[in-house]
């Protein structure tokens, strides 16, 4: 089984396991147990790396409007060859312009609602809501766009996995890459 297939299977399993809000709220519990074990010296940090939620470093998206979104790199990097895992936090009122990637991208909505659509024509009203626990696979070289509608009360946090380097290609590079709704 290829790494992408294994991660896909894991993300689908996670989606299924996190179907209810109660399960989502309980999901951090194993991390707390692992952290306690690590602090007690039962886990070798060179064998098992643990990052607790309060240790995740969020940075604003560079070159985009203030308060439109943030990113936290958990593994690899978008510019480093190989697999990556990043968290993206989308704030209400912003969407990406239609774009594509050179490789498949796997996305799991961790919290909030992410609005997505495929195609080269930007139409926020035609987007489909994907709530927490939902899974999206973006097929390589297919145009799409996504974001969080202005009416949302909270940001959406998305876990993204793919193979880097990420080669983002805008459908229309003359238009802005980011759209405020």
N, C-alpha and C. Protein backbone atom coordinates (compact mmCIF):
# COMPACT_ATOMS: atom_id res chain seq x y z
N UNK A 1 0.85 -1.18 0.00
CA UNK A 1 0.00 0.00 0.00
C UNK A 1 0.90 1.24 0.00
N UNK A 2 0.59 2.23 -0.83
CA UNK A 2 1.36 3.46 -0.91
C UNK A 2 1.05 4.35 0.28
N UNK A 3 2.01 5.24 0.60
CA UNK A 3 1.85 6.14 1.74
C UNK A 3 0.57 6.97 1.62
N UNK A 4 0.29 7.50 0.43
CA UNK A 4 -0.91 8.32 0.26
C UNK A 4 -2.17 7.48 0.52
N UNK A 5 -2.17 6.21 0.04
CA UNK A 5 -3.32 5.34 0.29
C UNK A 5 -3.49 5.07 1.78
N UNK A 6 -2.37 4.88 2.49
CA UNK A 6 -2.44 4.63 3.94
C UNK A 6 -2.98 5.84 4.66
N UNK A 7 -2.49 7.05 4.29
CA UNK A 7 -2.97 8.26 4.93
C UNK A 7 -4.44 8.48 4.60
N UNK A 8 -4.83 8.24 3.34
CA UNK A 8 -6.23 8.37 2.95
C UNK A 8 -7.10 7.46 3.80
N UNK A 9 -6.67 6.19 3.94
CA UNK A 9 -7.45 5.24 4.75
C UNK A 9 -7.53 5.73 6.20
N UNK A 10 -6.42 6.27 6.71
CA UNK A 10 -6.42 6.78 8.08
C UNK A 10 -7.33 7.98 8.24
N UNK A 11 -7.33 8.89 7.25
CA UNK A 11 -8.19 10.07 7.34
C UNK A 11 -9.66 9.69 7.25
N UNK A 12 -9.98 8.73 6.38
CA UNK A 12 -11.36 8.26 6.28
C UNK A 12 -11.78 7.62 7.60
N UNK A 13 -10.89 6.80 8.18
CA UNK A 13 -11.20 6.17 9.46
C UNK A 13 -11.42 7.23 10.54
N UNK A 14 -10.57 8.29 10.52
CA UNK A 14 -10.71 9.37 11.49
C UNK A 14 -12.04 10.09 11.29
N UNK A 15 -12.39 10.32 10.03
CA UNK A 15 -13.67 10.98 9.74
C UNK A 15 -14.82 10.16 10.32
N UNK A 16 -14.77 8.86 10.10
CA UNK A 16 -15.84 8.00 10.59
C UNK A 16 -15.86 7.97 12.12
N UNK A 17 -14.68 7.99 12.72
CA UNK A 17 -14.59 7.92 14.18
C UNK A 17 -15.03 9.23 14.84
N UNK A 18 -14.96 10.33 14.11
CA UNK A 18 -15.26 11.64 14.68
C UNK A 18 -16.61 12.15 14.21
N UNK A 19 -17.55 11.27 14.00
CA UNK A 19 -18.84 11.64 13.41
C UNK A 19 -19.69 12.49 14.33
N UNK A 20 -19.54 12.37 15.61
CA UNK A 20 -20.39 13.15 16.50
C UNK A 20 -19.57 14.18 17.25
N UNK A 21 -20.23 15.22 17.70
CA UNK A 21 -19.53 16.27 18.44
C UNK A 21 -18.87 15.72 19.69
N UNK A 22 -19.53 14.79 20.38
CA UNK A 22 -18.95 14.21 21.59
C UNK A 22 -17.63 13.54 21.27
N UNK A 23 -17.60 12.82 20.18
CA UNK A 23 -16.35 12.16 19.80
C UNK A 23 -15.28 13.19 19.48
N UNK A 24 -15.66 14.29 18.84
CA UNK A 24 -14.69 15.32 18.53
C UNK A 24 -14.13 15.96 19.80
N UNK A 25 -15.00 16.15 20.79
CA UNK A 25 -14.54 16.73 22.03
C UNK A 25 -13.63 15.78 22.81
N UNK A 26 -13.86 14.49 22.66
CA UNK A 26 -13.05 13.50 23.37
C UNK A 26 -11.76 13.15 22.63
N UNK A 27 -11.66 13.54 21.35
CA UNK A 27 -10.49 13.18 20.55
C UNK A 27 -9.16 13.60 21.17
N UNK A 28 -9.05 14.79 21.83
CA UNK A 28 -7.77 15.17 22.41
C UNK A 28 -7.37 14.33 23.64
N UNK A 29 -8.30 13.57 24.20
CA UNK A 29 -8.00 12.80 25.41
C UNK A 29 -6.78 11.89 25.25
N UNK A 30 -6.66 11.10 24.16
CA UNK A 30 -5.47 10.26 24.03
C UNK A 30 -4.18 11.07 24.01
N UNK A 31 -4.21 12.29 23.44
CA UNK A 31 -3.01 13.12 23.45
C UNK A 31 -2.63 13.50 24.88
N UNK A 32 -3.63 13.81 25.69
CA UNK A 32 -3.34 14.15 27.08
C UNK A 32 -2.75 12.96 27.82
N UNK A 33 -3.27 11.77 27.55
CA UNK A 33 -2.72 10.56 28.18
C UNK A 33 -1.29 10.34 27.72
N UNK A 34 -1.04 10.48 26.41
CA UNK A 34 0.32 10.31 25.89
C UNK A 34 1.26 11.35 26.48
N UNK A 35 0.79 12.60 26.58
CA UNK A 35 1.64 13.64 27.14
C UNK A 35 1.98 13.33 28.58
N UNK A 36 1.01 12.85 29.34
CA UNK A 36 1.28 12.48 30.73
C UNK A 36 2.31 11.36 30.79
N UNK A 37 2.17 10.37 29.91
CA UNK A 37 3.14 9.27 29.88
C UNK A 37 4.52 9.77 29.49
N UNK A 38 4.57 10.72 28.52
CA UNK A 38 5.86 11.26 28.09
C UNK A 38 6.51 12.01 29.24
N UNK A 39 5.71 12.78 29.97
CA UNK A 39 6.26 13.54 31.08
C UNK A 39 6.73 12.61 32.19
N UNK A 40 6.13 11.45 32.28
CA UNK A 40 6.54 10.49 33.31
C UNK A 40 7.76 9.69 32.86
N UNK A 41 8.26 9.98 31.63
CA UNK A 41 9.46 9.31 31.17
C UNK A 41 9.19 7.97 30.50
N UNK A 42 7.95 7.66 30.17
CA UNK A 42 7.63 6.37 29.57
C UNK A 42 7.74 6.40 28.05
N UNK A 43 7.83 7.59 27.45
CA UNK A 43 7.94 7.68 26.01
C UNK A 43 9.26 8.37 25.67
N UNK A 44 9.99 7.76 24.77
CA UNK A 44 11.24 8.34 24.33
C UNK A 44 10.92 9.40 23.27
N UNK A 45 11.23 10.68 23.52
CA UNK A 45 10.87 11.73 22.56
C UNK A 45 11.57 11.58 21.21
N UNK A 46 12.65 10.83 21.13
CA UNK A 46 13.28 10.61 19.83
C UNK A 46 12.54 9.54 19.03
N UNK A 47 11.68 8.76 19.70
CA UNK A 47 10.88 7.73 19.03
C UNK A 47 9.45 8.20 18.77
N UNK A 48 8.90 9.00 19.67
CA UNK A 48 7.52 9.48 19.57
C UNK A 48 7.50 10.96 19.88
N UNK A 49 7.24 11.76 18.86
CA UNK A 49 7.18 13.21 19.03
C UNK A 49 5.74 13.60 19.33
N UNK A 50 5.55 14.33 20.40
CA UNK A 50 4.22 14.78 20.81
C UNK A 50 4.21 16.30 20.81
N UNK A 51 3.21 16.86 20.18
CA UNK A 51 2.99 18.30 20.22
C UNK A 51 1.59 18.53 20.76
N UNK A 52 1.50 19.12 21.91
CA UNK A 52 0.20 19.40 22.52
C UNK A 52 -0.43 20.61 21.86
N UNK A 53 -1.75 20.73 21.93
CA UNK A 53 -2.43 21.83 21.23
C UNK A 53 -1.86 23.21 21.56
N UNK A 54 -1.52 23.46 22.80
CA UNK A 54 -1.00 24.79 23.17
C UNK A 54 0.43 25.01 22.67
N UNK A 55 1.07 23.98 22.14
CA UNK A 55 2.42 24.10 21.60
C UNK A 55 2.45 24.27 20.09
N UNK A 56 1.30 24.19 19.45
CA UNK A 56 1.24 24.34 18.00
C UNK A 56 1.43 25.82 17.66
N UNK A 57 2.36 26.07 16.75
CA UNK A 57 2.71 27.43 16.37
C UNK A 57 1.94 27.85 15.12
N UNK A 58 1.01 28.77 15.29
CA UNK A 58 0.21 29.28 14.18
C UNK A 58 0.84 30.56 13.67
N UNK A 59 0.92 30.71 12.33
CA UNK A 59 1.44 31.93 11.72
C UNK A 59 0.43 32.42 10.69
N UNK A 60 0.32 33.73 10.58
CA UNK A 60 -0.60 34.32 9.59
C UNK A 60 -0.12 33.97 8.19
N UNK A 61 -1.06 33.79 7.27
CA UNK A 61 -0.70 33.53 5.88
C UNK A 61 0.01 34.75 5.33
N UNK A 62 1.14 34.53 4.71
CA UNK A 62 1.91 35.66 4.20
C UNK A 62 1.33 36.14 2.87
N UNK A 63 1.33 37.46 2.70
CA UNK A 63 0.87 38.07 1.47
C UNK A 63 -0.64 38.09 1.29
N UNK A 64 -1.38 37.70 2.30
CA UNK A 64 -2.84 37.68 2.20
C UNK A 64 -3.43 38.67 3.21
N UNK A 65 -4.71 39.01 3.08
CA UNK A 65 -5.30 39.99 3.98
C UNK A 65 -5.14 39.60 5.46
N UNK A 66 -4.92 40.59 6.33
CA UNK A 66 -4.82 40.30 7.76
C UNK A 66 -6.09 39.61 8.26
N UNK A 67 -5.93 38.68 9.16
CA UNK A 67 -7.03 37.95 9.79
C UNK A 67 -7.84 37.12 8.80
N UNK A 68 -7.23 36.74 7.68
CA UNK A 68 -7.93 35.87 6.73
C UNK A 68 -7.65 34.41 7.02
N UNK A 69 -6.48 34.14 7.58
CA UNK A 69 -6.16 32.75 7.89
C UNK A 69 -4.79 32.59 8.51
N UNK A 70 -4.57 31.41 9.08
CA UNK A 70 -3.30 31.06 9.70
C UNK A 70 -2.95 29.62 9.34
N UNK A 71 -1.67 29.29 9.48
CA UNK A 71 -1.21 27.95 9.17
C UNK A 71 -0.26 27.47 10.25
N UNK A 72 -0.30 26.18 10.51
CA UNK A 72 0.63 25.53 11.44
C UNK A 72 1.18 24.29 10.74
N UNK A 73 2.49 24.24 10.58
CA UNK A 73 3.12 23.07 9.96
C UNK A 73 3.42 22.05 11.04
N UNK A 74 2.85 20.86 10.89
CA UNK A 74 3.06 19.79 11.86
C UNK A 74 4.13 18.79 11.41
N UNK A 75 4.25 18.62 10.08
CA UNK A 75 5.21 17.64 9.55
C UNK A 75 5.62 18.06 8.15
N UNK A 76 6.90 17.97 7.85
CA UNK A 76 7.39 18.32 6.52
C UNK A 76 7.24 19.80 6.27
N UNK A 77 6.96 20.15 5.05
CA UNK A 77 6.77 21.54 4.67
C UNK A 77 6.23 21.62 3.26
N UNK A 78 5.57 22.71 2.95
CA UNK A 78 4.96 22.85 1.63
C UNK A 78 6.00 23.00 0.52
N UNK A 79 7.21 23.42 0.88
CA UNK A 79 8.27 23.60 -0.10
C UNK A 79 9.33 22.51 -0.05
N UNK A 80 9.23 21.61 0.91
CA UNK A 80 10.22 20.53 1.07
C UNK A 80 9.72 19.27 0.37
N UNK A 81 10.55 18.63 -0.46
CA UNK A 81 10.09 17.39 -1.12
C UNK A 81 9.68 16.34 -0.09
N UNK A 82 8.54 15.71 -0.34
CA UNK A 82 8.05 14.64 0.53
C UNK A 82 6.70 14.96 1.12
N UNK A 83 6.22 14.09 2.01
CA UNK A 83 4.89 14.31 2.60
C UNK A 83 4.88 15.48 3.57
N UNK A 84 3.71 16.11 3.68
CA UNK A 84 3.54 17.19 4.63
C UNK A 84 2.18 17.04 5.32
N UNK A 85 2.08 17.62 6.50
CA UNK A 85 0.82 17.73 7.22
C UNK A 85 0.79 19.12 7.83
N UNK A 86 -0.19 19.91 7.41
CA UNK A 86 -0.34 21.26 7.93
C UNK A 86 -1.78 21.46 8.39
N UNK A 87 -1.93 22.38 9.31
CA UNK A 87 -3.26 22.83 9.73
C UNK A 87 -3.48 24.21 9.13
N UNK A 88 -4.66 24.41 8.56
CA UNK A 88 -5.03 25.72 8.03
C UNK A 88 -6.26 26.20 8.79
N UNK A 89 -6.19 27.44 9.24
CA UNK A 89 -7.33 28.04 9.93
C UNK A 89 -7.87 29.15 9.01
N UNK A 90 -9.09 28.94 8.52
CA UNK A 90 -9.75 29.90 7.63
C UNK A 90 -10.73 30.73 8.45
N UNK A 91 -10.60 32.05 8.37
CA UNK A 91 -11.53 32.92 9.08
C UNK A 91 -12.73 33.23 8.19
N UNK A 92 -13.89 33.48 8.81
CA UNK A 92 -15.09 33.78 8.03
C UNK A 92 -14.89 34.97 7.10
N UNK A 93 -15.47 34.83 5.89
CA UNK A 93 -15.47 35.92 4.94
C UNK A 93 -14.38 35.84 3.88
N UNK A 94 -13.65 34.73 3.81
CA UNK A 94 -12.55 34.62 2.84
C UNK A 94 -12.61 33.28 2.11
N UNK A 95 -12.29 33.33 0.81
CA UNK A 95 -12.21 32.13 -0.01
C UNK A 95 -11.01 32.26 -0.95
N UNK A 96 -10.52 31.12 -1.36
CA UNK A 96 -9.46 31.10 -2.36
C UNK A 96 -10.08 31.27 -3.74
N UNK A 97 -9.29 31.77 -4.67
CA UNK A 97 -9.70 31.82 -6.07
C UNK A 97 -9.54 30.41 -6.65
N UNK A 98 -10.20 30.11 -7.75
CA UNK A 98 -10.01 28.79 -8.36
C UNK A 98 -8.53 28.51 -8.66
N UNK A 99 -8.09 27.34 -8.24
CA UNK A 99 -6.69 26.95 -8.39
C UNK A 99 -6.59 25.43 -8.42
N UNK A 100 -5.39 24.92 -8.68
CA UNK A 100 -5.16 23.48 -8.66
C UNK A 100 -3.77 23.21 -8.10
N UNK A 101 -3.50 21.94 -7.83
CA UNK A 101 -2.20 21.50 -7.33
C UNK A 101 -1.68 20.40 -8.24
N UNK A 102 -0.37 20.22 -8.24
CA UNK A 102 0.27 19.20 -9.08
C UNK A 102 0.03 17.79 -8.55
N UNK A 103 -0.26 17.66 -7.26
CA UNK A 103 -0.48 16.35 -6.64
C UNK A 103 -1.80 16.36 -5.89
N UNK A 104 -2.31 15.18 -5.58
CA UNK A 104 -3.53 15.08 -4.77
C UNK A 104 -3.30 15.75 -3.42
N UNK A 105 -4.38 16.26 -2.85
CA UNK A 105 -4.34 16.86 -1.52
C UNK A 105 -5.51 16.30 -0.73
N UNK A 106 -5.20 15.79 0.46
CA UNK A 106 -6.22 15.19 1.33
C UNK A 106 -6.51 16.16 2.46
N UNK A 107 -7.80 16.41 2.72
CA UNK A 107 -8.20 17.41 3.71
C UNK A 107 -9.24 16.82 4.66
N UNK A 108 -9.07 17.10 5.93
CA UNK A 108 -10.01 16.68 6.95
C UNK A 108 -10.42 17.92 7.74
N UNK A 109 -11.71 18.20 7.78
CA UNK A 109 -12.21 19.35 8.54
C UNK A 109 -12.22 18.97 10.02
N UNK A 110 -11.45 19.69 10.81
CA UNK A 110 -11.34 19.40 12.24
C UNK A 110 -12.37 20.17 13.06
N UNK A 111 -12.66 21.40 12.65
CA UNK A 111 -13.66 22.20 13.37
C UNK A 111 -14.24 23.24 12.41
N UNK A 112 -15.43 23.71 12.74
CA UNK A 112 -16.10 24.68 11.89
C UNK A 112 -16.66 24.02 10.65
N UNK A 113 -17.00 24.84 9.66
CA UNK A 113 -17.50 24.36 8.38
C UNK A 113 -16.69 24.99 7.27
N UNK A 114 -16.21 24.16 6.36
CA UNK A 114 -15.43 24.59 5.21
C UNK A 114 -16.33 24.49 3.99
N UNK A 115 -16.37 25.50 3.19
CA UNK A 115 -17.22 25.54 2.00
C UNK A 115 -16.36 25.29 0.78
N UNK A 116 -16.70 24.28 -0.03
CA UNK A 116 -15.85 23.87 -1.15
C UNK A 116 -16.64 23.73 -2.44
N UNK A 117 -15.92 23.84 -3.55
CA UNK A 117 -16.49 23.56 -4.85
C UNK A 117 -15.37 23.28 -5.83
N UNK A 118 -15.70 22.62 -6.93
CA UNK A 118 -14.75 22.34 -8.00
C UNK A 118 -15.13 23.16 -9.21
N UNK A 119 -14.14 23.44 -10.06
CA UNK A 119 -14.40 24.16 -11.29
C UNK A 119 -13.58 25.43 -11.39
N UNK A 120 -13.55 25.96 -12.59
CA UNK A 120 -12.75 27.15 -12.87
C UNK A 120 -13.49 28.45 -12.63
N UNK A 121 -14.82 28.40 -12.51
CA UNK A 121 -15.62 29.60 -12.31
C UNK A 121 -15.91 29.81 -10.82
N UNK A 122 -15.49 30.95 -10.30
CA UNK A 122 -15.68 31.26 -8.88
C UNK A 122 -17.13 31.65 -8.62
N UNK A 123 -17.81 30.84 -7.79
CA UNK A 123 -19.21 31.09 -7.44
C UNK A 123 -19.42 30.66 -5.99
N UNK A 124 -19.18 31.55 -5.04
CA UNK A 124 -19.30 31.19 -3.62
C UNK A 124 -20.67 30.63 -3.25
N UNK A 125 -21.73 31.07 -3.95
CA UNK A 125 -23.07 30.59 -3.64
C UNK A 125 -23.26 29.13 -4.05
N UNK A 126 -22.38 28.60 -4.87
CA UNK A 126 -22.49 27.21 -5.32
C UNK A 126 -21.62 26.26 -4.49
N UNK A 127 -20.97 26.78 -3.45
CA UNK A 127 -20.11 25.92 -2.63
C UNK A 127 -20.95 24.99 -1.75
N UNK A 128 -20.33 23.91 -1.34
CA UNK A 128 -20.98 22.89 -0.53
C UNK A 128 -20.36 22.92 0.87
N UNK A 129 -21.18 22.92 1.93
CA UNK A 129 -20.62 22.94 3.28
C UNK A 129 -20.09 21.55 3.68
N UNK A 130 -18.90 21.56 4.27
CA UNK A 130 -18.31 20.33 4.80
C UNK A 130 -18.05 20.58 6.29
N UNK A 131 -18.84 19.95 7.17
CA UNK A 131 -18.69 20.20 8.61
C UNK A 131 -17.52 19.41 9.20
N UNK A 132 -17.25 19.67 10.47
CA UNK A 132 -16.19 18.96 11.19
C UNK A 132 -16.38 17.46 11.05
N UNK A 133 -15.29 16.77 10.76
CA UNK A 133 -15.32 15.33 10.54
C UNK A 133 -15.40 14.97 9.06
N UNK A 134 -15.70 15.97 8.21
CA UNK A 134 -15.80 15.71 6.77
C UNK A 134 -14.43 15.61 6.12
N UNK A 135 -14.37 14.84 5.04
CA UNK A 135 -13.13 14.58 4.32
C UNK A 135 -13.27 15.04 2.87
N UNK A 136 -12.22 15.68 2.35
CA UNK A 136 -12.20 16.15 0.96
C UNK A 136 -10.90 15.67 0.32
N UNK A 137 -11.02 15.07 -0.85
CA UNK A 137 -9.83 14.72 -1.63
C UNK A 137 -9.82 15.61 -2.86
N UNK A 138 -8.78 16.40 -2.99
CA UNK A 138 -8.60 17.25 -4.17
C UNK A 138 -7.71 16.48 -5.13
N UNK A 139 -8.24 16.13 -6.30
CA UNK A 139 -7.50 15.37 -7.29
C UNK A 139 -6.51 16.30 -8.00
N UNK A 140 -5.31 15.82 -8.21
CA UNK A 140 -4.25 16.61 -8.84
C UNK A 140 -4.74 17.25 -10.13
N UNK A 141 -4.34 18.49 -10.31
CA UNK A 141 -4.57 19.27 -11.54
C UNK A 141 -6.04 19.53 -11.87
N UNK A 142 -6.92 19.47 -10.85
CA UNK A 142 -8.32 19.82 -11.08
C UNK A 142 -8.62 21.13 -10.35
N UNK A 143 -9.21 22.11 -11.04
CA UNK A 143 -9.48 23.40 -10.40
C UNK A 143 -10.54 23.28 -9.30
N UNK A 144 -10.34 24.07 -8.26
CA UNK A 144 -11.28 24.10 -7.14
C UNK A 144 -11.07 25.39 -6.36
N UNK A 145 -11.97 25.66 -5.42
CA UNK A 145 -11.83 26.81 -4.52
C UNK A 145 -12.58 26.47 -3.24
N UNK A 146 -12.27 27.19 -2.18
CA UNK A 146 -12.84 26.88 -0.88
C UNK A 146 -12.64 28.04 0.08
N UNK A 147 -13.27 27.95 1.24
CA UNK A 147 -13.13 28.97 2.25
C UNK A 147 -14.27 28.91 3.25
N UNK A 148 -14.48 30.01 3.94
CA UNK A 148 -15.51 30.07 4.97
C UNK A 148 -16.41 31.27 4.68
N UNK A 149 -17.69 31.01 4.62
CA UNK A 149 -18.64 32.08 4.32
C UNK A 149 -18.64 33.14 5.42
N UNK A 150 -18.98 34.34 5.02
CA UNK A 150 -18.99 35.49 5.93
C UNK A 150 -19.93 35.30 7.11
N UNK A 151 -21.00 34.55 6.90
CA UNK A 151 -22.01 34.35 7.94
C UNK A 151 -21.56 33.38 9.04
N UNK A 152 -20.46 32.70 8.84
CA UNK A 152 -19.99 31.73 9.85
C UNK A 152 -19.61 32.45 11.14
N UNK A 153 -19.85 31.77 12.24
CA UNK A 153 -19.54 32.36 13.55
C UNK A 153 -18.14 32.02 14.03
N UNK A 154 -17.55 30.96 13.46
CA UNK A 154 -16.21 30.52 13.88
C UNK A 154 -15.37 30.19 12.65
N UNK A 155 -14.05 30.23 12.81
CA UNK A 155 -13.20 29.79 11.70
C UNK A 155 -13.31 28.28 11.49
N UNK A 156 -12.85 27.83 10.35
CA UNK A 156 -12.75 26.39 10.08
C UNK A 156 -11.27 26.01 10.18
N UNK A 157 -11.01 24.89 10.83
CA UNK A 157 -9.64 24.38 10.91
C UNK A 157 -9.59 23.09 10.09
N UNK A 158 -8.64 23.06 9.16
CA UNK A 158 -8.52 21.95 8.22
C UNK A 158 -7.14 21.33 8.35
N UNK A 159 -7.07 20.00 8.42
CA UNK A 159 -5.80 19.28 8.36
C UNK A 159 -5.58 18.91 6.90
N UNK A 160 -4.43 19.29 6.35
CA UNK A 160 -4.10 19.04 4.94
C UNK A 160 -2.88 18.14 4.84
N UNK A 161 -3.00 17.11 4.02
CA UNK A 161 -1.88 16.21 3.77
C UNK A 161 -1.66 16.10 2.28
N UNK A 162 -0.42 16.08 1.88
CA UNK A 162 -0.09 15.91 0.47
C UNK A 162 1.39 15.64 0.31
N UNK A 163 1.81 15.64 -0.94
CA UNK A 163 3.21 15.46 -1.26
C UNK A 163 3.73 16.78 -1.82
N UNK A 164 4.81 17.27 -1.23
CA UNK A 164 5.40 18.55 -1.62
C UNK A 164 6.59 18.29 -2.56
N UNK A 165 7.05 19.30 -3.24
CA UNK A 165 6.65 20.69 -3.07
C UNK A 165 5.27 20.96 -3.67
N UNK A 166 4.54 21.84 -3.01
CA UNK A 166 3.20 22.20 -3.46
C UNK A 166 3.36 23.16 -4.65
N UNK A 167 2.71 22.84 -5.72
CA UNK A 167 2.74 23.69 -6.92
C UNK A 167 1.33 24.20 -7.16
N UNK A 168 1.00 25.33 -6.55
CA UNK A 168 -0.31 25.94 -6.70
C UNK A 168 -0.36 26.66 -8.04
N UNK A 169 -1.40 26.40 -8.82
CA UNK A 169 -1.59 27.03 -10.11
C UNK A 169 -2.95 27.72 -10.12
N UNK A 170 -2.97 29.05 -10.20
CA UNK A 170 -4.23 29.79 -10.29
C UNK A 170 -4.84 29.59 -11.67
N UNK A 171 -6.16 29.44 -11.73
CA UNK A 171 -6.86 29.33 -13.00
C UNK A 171 -6.68 30.62 -13.80
N UNK A 172 -6.82 31.76 -13.13
CA UNK A 172 -6.64 33.07 -13.76
C UNK A 172 -5.65 33.88 -12.93
N UNK A 173 -4.36 33.81 -13.28
CA UNK A 173 -3.34 34.49 -12.46
C UNK A 173 -3.45 36.01 -12.45
N UNK A 174 -4.28 36.59 -13.32
CA UNK A 174 -4.45 38.04 -13.33
C UNK A 174 -5.36 38.49 -12.19
N UNK A 175 -6.28 37.63 -11.79
CA UNK A 175 -7.22 37.96 -10.71
C UNK A 175 -6.59 37.64 -9.36
N UNK A 176 -7.08 38.26 -8.27
CA UNK A 176 -6.52 38.00 -6.94
C UNK A 176 -6.66 36.53 -6.53
N UNK A 177 -5.66 36.02 -5.84
CA UNK A 177 -5.64 34.63 -5.38
C UNK A 177 -6.58 34.43 -4.20
N UNK A 178 -6.97 35.51 -3.57
CA UNK A 178 -7.76 35.46 -2.36
C UNK A 178 -8.96 36.35 -2.53
N UNK A 179 -10.12 35.90 -2.12
CA UNK A 179 -11.35 36.67 -2.30
C UNK A 179 -12.00 36.94 -0.95
N UNK A 180 -12.27 38.20 -0.69
CA UNK A 180 -13.03 38.57 0.50
C UNK A 180 -14.49 38.62 0.10
N UNK A 181 -15.33 37.93 0.86
CA UNK A 181 -16.76 37.86 0.55
C UNK A 181 -17.51 39.04 1.15
